[in-house]
Protein backbone atom coordinates (compact mmCIF):
# COMPACT_ATOMS: atom_id res chain seq x y z
CA MET A 1 42.53 -23.01 -2.58
CA GLY A 2 39.90 -24.96 -4.59
CA ALA A 3 38.71 -23.76 -8.07
CA VAL A 4 35.60 -20.89 -8.26
CA VAL A 5 33.01 -22.30 -10.26
CA ALA A 6 30.35 -19.97 -11.36
CA ILE A 7 26.98 -20.11 -9.59
CA ASP A 8 25.82 -20.58 -12.93
CA ALA A 9 27.17 -23.80 -13.75
CA LEU A 10 25.84 -25.02 -10.99
CA LEU A 11 23.11 -24.54 -11.04
CA GLN A 12 22.84 -25.86 -14.61
CA GLN A 13 24.40 -28.74 -13.02
CA ARG A 14 21.64 -28.89 -10.99
CA ARG A 15 23.70 -29.18 -7.79
CA VAL A 16 22.36 -25.92 -6.13
CA TRP A 17 18.67 -25.51 -5.16
CA LYS A 18 17.22 -22.46 -6.26
CA GLY A 19 14.13 -21.72 -4.52
CA GLN A 20 11.32 -19.88 -5.33
CA PRO A 21 8.85 -18.18 -3.44
CA ALA A 22 5.75 -19.48 -2.45
CA ALA A 23 2.34 -18.60 -4.33
CA LEU A 24 0.62 -15.79 -3.04
CA PRO A 25 -3.49 -16.68 -2.99
CA PRO A 26 -4.87 -14.14 -5.03
CA SER A 27 -5.83 -11.09 -3.24
CA THR A 28 -9.67 -10.69 -2.62
CA GLN A 29 -9.02 -7.08 -2.56
CA PRO A 30 -9.01 -6.30 -6.22
CA THR A 31 -7.13 -2.18 -6.86
CA GLY A 32 -9.79 -1.03 -9.23
CA HIS A 33 -6.63 -0.76 -12.15
CA ALA A 34 -6.66 -3.96 -14.19
CA ALA A 35 -2.86 -2.91 -15.17
CA LEU A 36 -1.68 -2.81 -11.42
CA ASP A 37 -3.56 -5.52 -10.41
CA ALA A 38 -1.91 -8.05 -13.22
CA ALA A 39 1.59 -6.54 -12.35
CA LEU A 40 0.94 -7.46 -8.62
CA PRO A 41 1.69 -11.18 -7.89
CA SER A 42 -1.89 -12.04 -5.85
CA GLY A 43 -3.47 -9.45 -8.33
CA GLY A 44 -4.81 -6.93 -5.83
CA TRP A 45 -3.54 -4.99 -2.35
CA PRO A 46 -1.94 -6.80 -0.06
CA GLU A 47 -4.75 -7.95 2.62
CA ALA A 48 -4.25 -7.68 5.73
CA ALA A 49 -1.18 -5.51 5.28
CA LEU A 50 0.84 -2.23 5.07
CA SER A 51 0.98 -0.65 1.56
CA GLU A 52 3.07 2.89 1.07
CA LEU A 53 2.03 5.34 -1.60
CA LEU A 54 5.11 7.37 -1.78
CA ILE A 55 4.50 10.92 -4.01
CA PRO A 56 6.35 14.05 -4.85
CA VAL A 57 3.87 15.98 -3.83
CA ASP A 58 0.26 16.38 -2.76
CA GLY A 59 -2.40 15.50 -5.40
CA VAL A 60 -0.97 13.93 -8.05
CA GLY A 61 -3.33 11.13 -7.77
CA GLU A 62 -2.85 8.97 -5.10
CA LEU A 63 -6.64 9.45 -3.68
CA GLN A 64 -7.65 8.63 -7.63
CA LEU A 65 -5.64 5.43 -7.05
CA LEU A 66 -7.52 4.22 -3.87
CA TRP A 67 -11.19 5.74 -4.88
CA PRO A 68 -11.90 2.16 -6.50
CA THR A 69 -11.45 0.17 -3.80
CA LEU A 70 -12.68 2.51 -1.12
CA ALA A 71 -15.97 2.99 -3.12
CA ARG A 72 -15.85 -0.86 -2.77
CA LEU A 73 -15.40 -1.33 0.76
CA SER A 74 -17.84 1.22 1.87
CA GLN A 75 -20.82 0.14 -0.72
CA ALA A 76 -20.52 -2.97 1.22
CA GLY A 77 -20.91 -1.18 4.41
CA GLU A 78 -17.43 -1.39 5.01
CA ARG A 79 -15.86 1.80 7.33
CA ILE A 80 -13.39 3.79 5.86
CA VAL A 81 -11.17 5.37 7.98
CA LEU A 82 -8.56 8.91 7.06
CA VAL A 83 -6.15 9.93 10.32
CA ALA A 84 -4.98 13.45 10.32
CA PRO A 85 -5.65 14.31 6.31
CA HIS A 86 -3.62 17.37 4.74
CA TYR A 87 -6.88 18.61 3.59
CA ILE A 88 -10.41 18.00 4.83
CA PRO A 89 -12.57 15.88 2.25
CA PHE A 90 -14.26 17.05 -0.64
CA ALA A 91 -16.97 14.92 -0.07
CA PRO A 92 -18.66 16.07 -3.87
CA ALA A 93 -15.63 13.90 -5.02
CA TRP A 94 -15.43 11.38 -2.74
CA GLN A 95 -19.37 11.23 -3.26
CA ALA A 96 -18.99 11.27 -7.16
CA ALA A 97 -16.06 8.45 -7.08
CA GLY A 98 -18.71 6.48 -5.59
CA ILE A 99 -17.44 6.54 -1.69
CA GLU A 100 -21.39 6.46 0.51
CA LEU A 101 -20.03 8.94 3.02
CA ARG A 102 -21.82 7.75 5.96
CA GLN A 103 -19.48 5.19 5.77
CA LEU A 104 -16.41 7.70 5.70
CA GLN A 105 -14.76 9.15 8.78
CA VAL A 106 -12.51 11.33 9.60
CA VAL A 107 -9.63 11.29 12.91
CA GLU A 108 -8.28 14.53 13.43
CA ALA A 109 -4.71 14.54 16.03
CA ALA A 110 -3.34 16.52 17.78
CA SER A 111 0.05 15.85 16.78
CA PRO A 112 1.78 13.30 14.40
CA ARG A 113 2.45 10.56 17.49
CA ASP A 114 -1.22 10.80 18.36
CA ALA A 115 -2.09 10.43 14.20
CA LEU A 116 0.32 7.31 14.27
CA TRP A 117 -1.36 5.42 17.91
CA ALA A 118 -4.83 6.37 16.29
CA ALA A 119 -4.20 4.68 12.66
CA GLU A 120 -2.41 2.23 14.95
CA GLN A 121 -5.30 1.95 17.24
CA CYS A 122 -8.15 1.90 14.13
CA LEU A 123 -6.45 -0.76 12.85
CA ARG A 124 -6.04 -3.45 15.71
CA SER A 125 -9.68 -2.85 15.77
CA GLY A 126 -10.78 -4.81 12.98
CA SER A 127 -13.67 -2.86 12.77
CA CYS A 128 -12.37 -0.73 9.27
CA GLY A 129 -12.78 -1.72 5.83
CA ALA A 130 -9.63 0.73 5.22
CA VAL A 131 -7.66 2.95 7.12
CA LEU A 132 -5.60 6.08 5.39
CA CYS A 133 -2.85 7.97 7.36
CA TRP A 134 -0.09 10.64 5.86
CA PRO A 135 2.81 9.52 8.78
CA LEU A 136 5.13 12.78 9.10
CA ALA A 137 8.66 11.36 10.12
CA ALA A 138 7.85 7.67 10.44
CA ASP A 139 10.76 5.55 11.24
CA ASP A 140 11.29 1.78 10.22
CA ARG A 141 9.66 1.12 13.86
CA ALA A 142 6.39 3.02 13.83
CA LEU A 143 5.56 1.34 10.15
CA ARG A 144 6.07 -1.98 11.49
CA ARG A 145 3.88 -1.27 14.48
CA LEU A 146 1.42 0.37 11.93
CA GLN A 147 2.07 -3.67 9.60
CA VAL A 148 1.57 -5.41 12.64
CA ALA A 149 -1.33 -3.50 13.86
CA ALA A 150 -3.08 -4.41 9.92
CA GLU A 151 -2.25 -8.00 10.51
CA SER A 152 -3.86 -8.03 13.52
CA GLY A 153 -7.34 -6.54 12.68
CA ARG A 154 -7.20 -7.68 9.53
CA THR A 155 -7.90 -4.35 7.62
CA LEU A 156 -6.33 -2.73 4.63
CA ALA A 157 -3.46 0.17 5.40
CA PHE A 158 -2.34 2.80 3.16
CA ALA A 159 0.23 5.11 4.30
CA THR A 160 0.93 8.15 2.08
CA ARG A 161 4.33 9.22 2.71
CA PRO A 162 6.91 11.90 0.81
CA LEU A 163 8.57 10.30 -2.30
CA THR A 164 11.97 11.06 -0.62
CA THR A 165 11.73 7.69 2.10
CA ALA A 166 11.62 5.48 -0.72
CA ARG A 167 15.86 5.43 -0.13
CA ASN A 168 14.86 4.26 3.17
CA PRO A 169 13.69 0.60 4.10
CA SER A 170 10.32 -0.19 5.23
CA PRO A 171 7.98 -3.39 6.35
CA ALA A 172 5.31 -2.24 4.61
CA ALA A 173 4.57 -5.63 2.10
CA LEU A 174 3.93 -3.06 -1.19
CA ARG A 175 5.49 0.44 -1.89
CA ILE A 176 4.39 2.44 -4.46
CA ALA A 177 5.66 5.46 -5.81
CA ILE A 178 3.50 7.94 -7.96
CA ASP A 179 4.83 10.18 -10.47
CA ALA A 180 3.59 12.92 -11.82
CA ARG A 181 5.18 14.49 -15.37
CA PRO A 182 4.68 11.60 -16.39
CA ALA A 183 1.41 10.36 -15.12
CA GLN A 184 2.36 6.61 -13.71
CA LEU A 185 3.41 3.99 -11.48
CA ARG A 186 5.96 2.19 -9.77
CA VAL A 187 6.06 -0.50 -7.96
CA LEU A 188 8.94 -0.67 -5.81
CA LYS A 189 8.54 -3.51 -4.14
CA CYS A 190 5.60 -6.03 -3.41
CA ARG A 191 4.96 -9.27 -1.17
CA GLY A 192 5.50 -12.64 -2.58
CA GLY A 193 7.61 -11.85 -5.70
CA LEU A 194 9.98 -8.93 -7.94
CA ALA A 195 8.31 -5.61 -8.60
CA PRO A 196 7.77 -5.01 -12.20
CA PRO A 197 10.31 -3.78 -13.93
CA ARG A 198 8.14 -1.07 -16.21
CA PRO A 199 6.36 1.56 -14.58
CA ILE A 200 2.38 1.41 -14.93
CA ALA A 201 0.51 4.10 -16.50
CA LEU A 202 -1.76 6.01 -14.17
CA ALA A 203 -5.33 6.70 -16.58
CA GLY A 204 -6.69 10.18 -15.65
């Protein structure tokens, strides 16, 4: 058997090509949080793609994370759709965050399957600026359909799911875990680069 050569030595001798990921064009969808934008390869939300927010419990800051983007989109006349939210949106809080309520629509669904179908149709329509959903027991195939629908409709898709699903693979372009104590974000996966190694403080 031939001698085993360390990969580091081959790299130093330039005998192995080490590819670099293609640089992503700058995002036109900033998150509204400077530290998060600085940590993401494109400088904002991945466009026409699915982003997952993984949370330990409801109400740890997932809506506050999205509100700057939703406010900007709604003020530009874009429709914001909430598909089967766990709670009825508290209109004064959304309005105080800058969201134009006339651009906000809530879609109810009779079952988790219907909710996934509705989210997919809203994304594919191309008539929404952003679609938020809370898929229950969504498998890889269901998430992939949402990702493809977001690409097809050129729409921002946000899926809020339990933190326990972080152990499972996902086709989402971006996965962010939100911790309650301390209040922080952890980028678990991001398209176009490596996830930042350190958490990002979540401002109140």
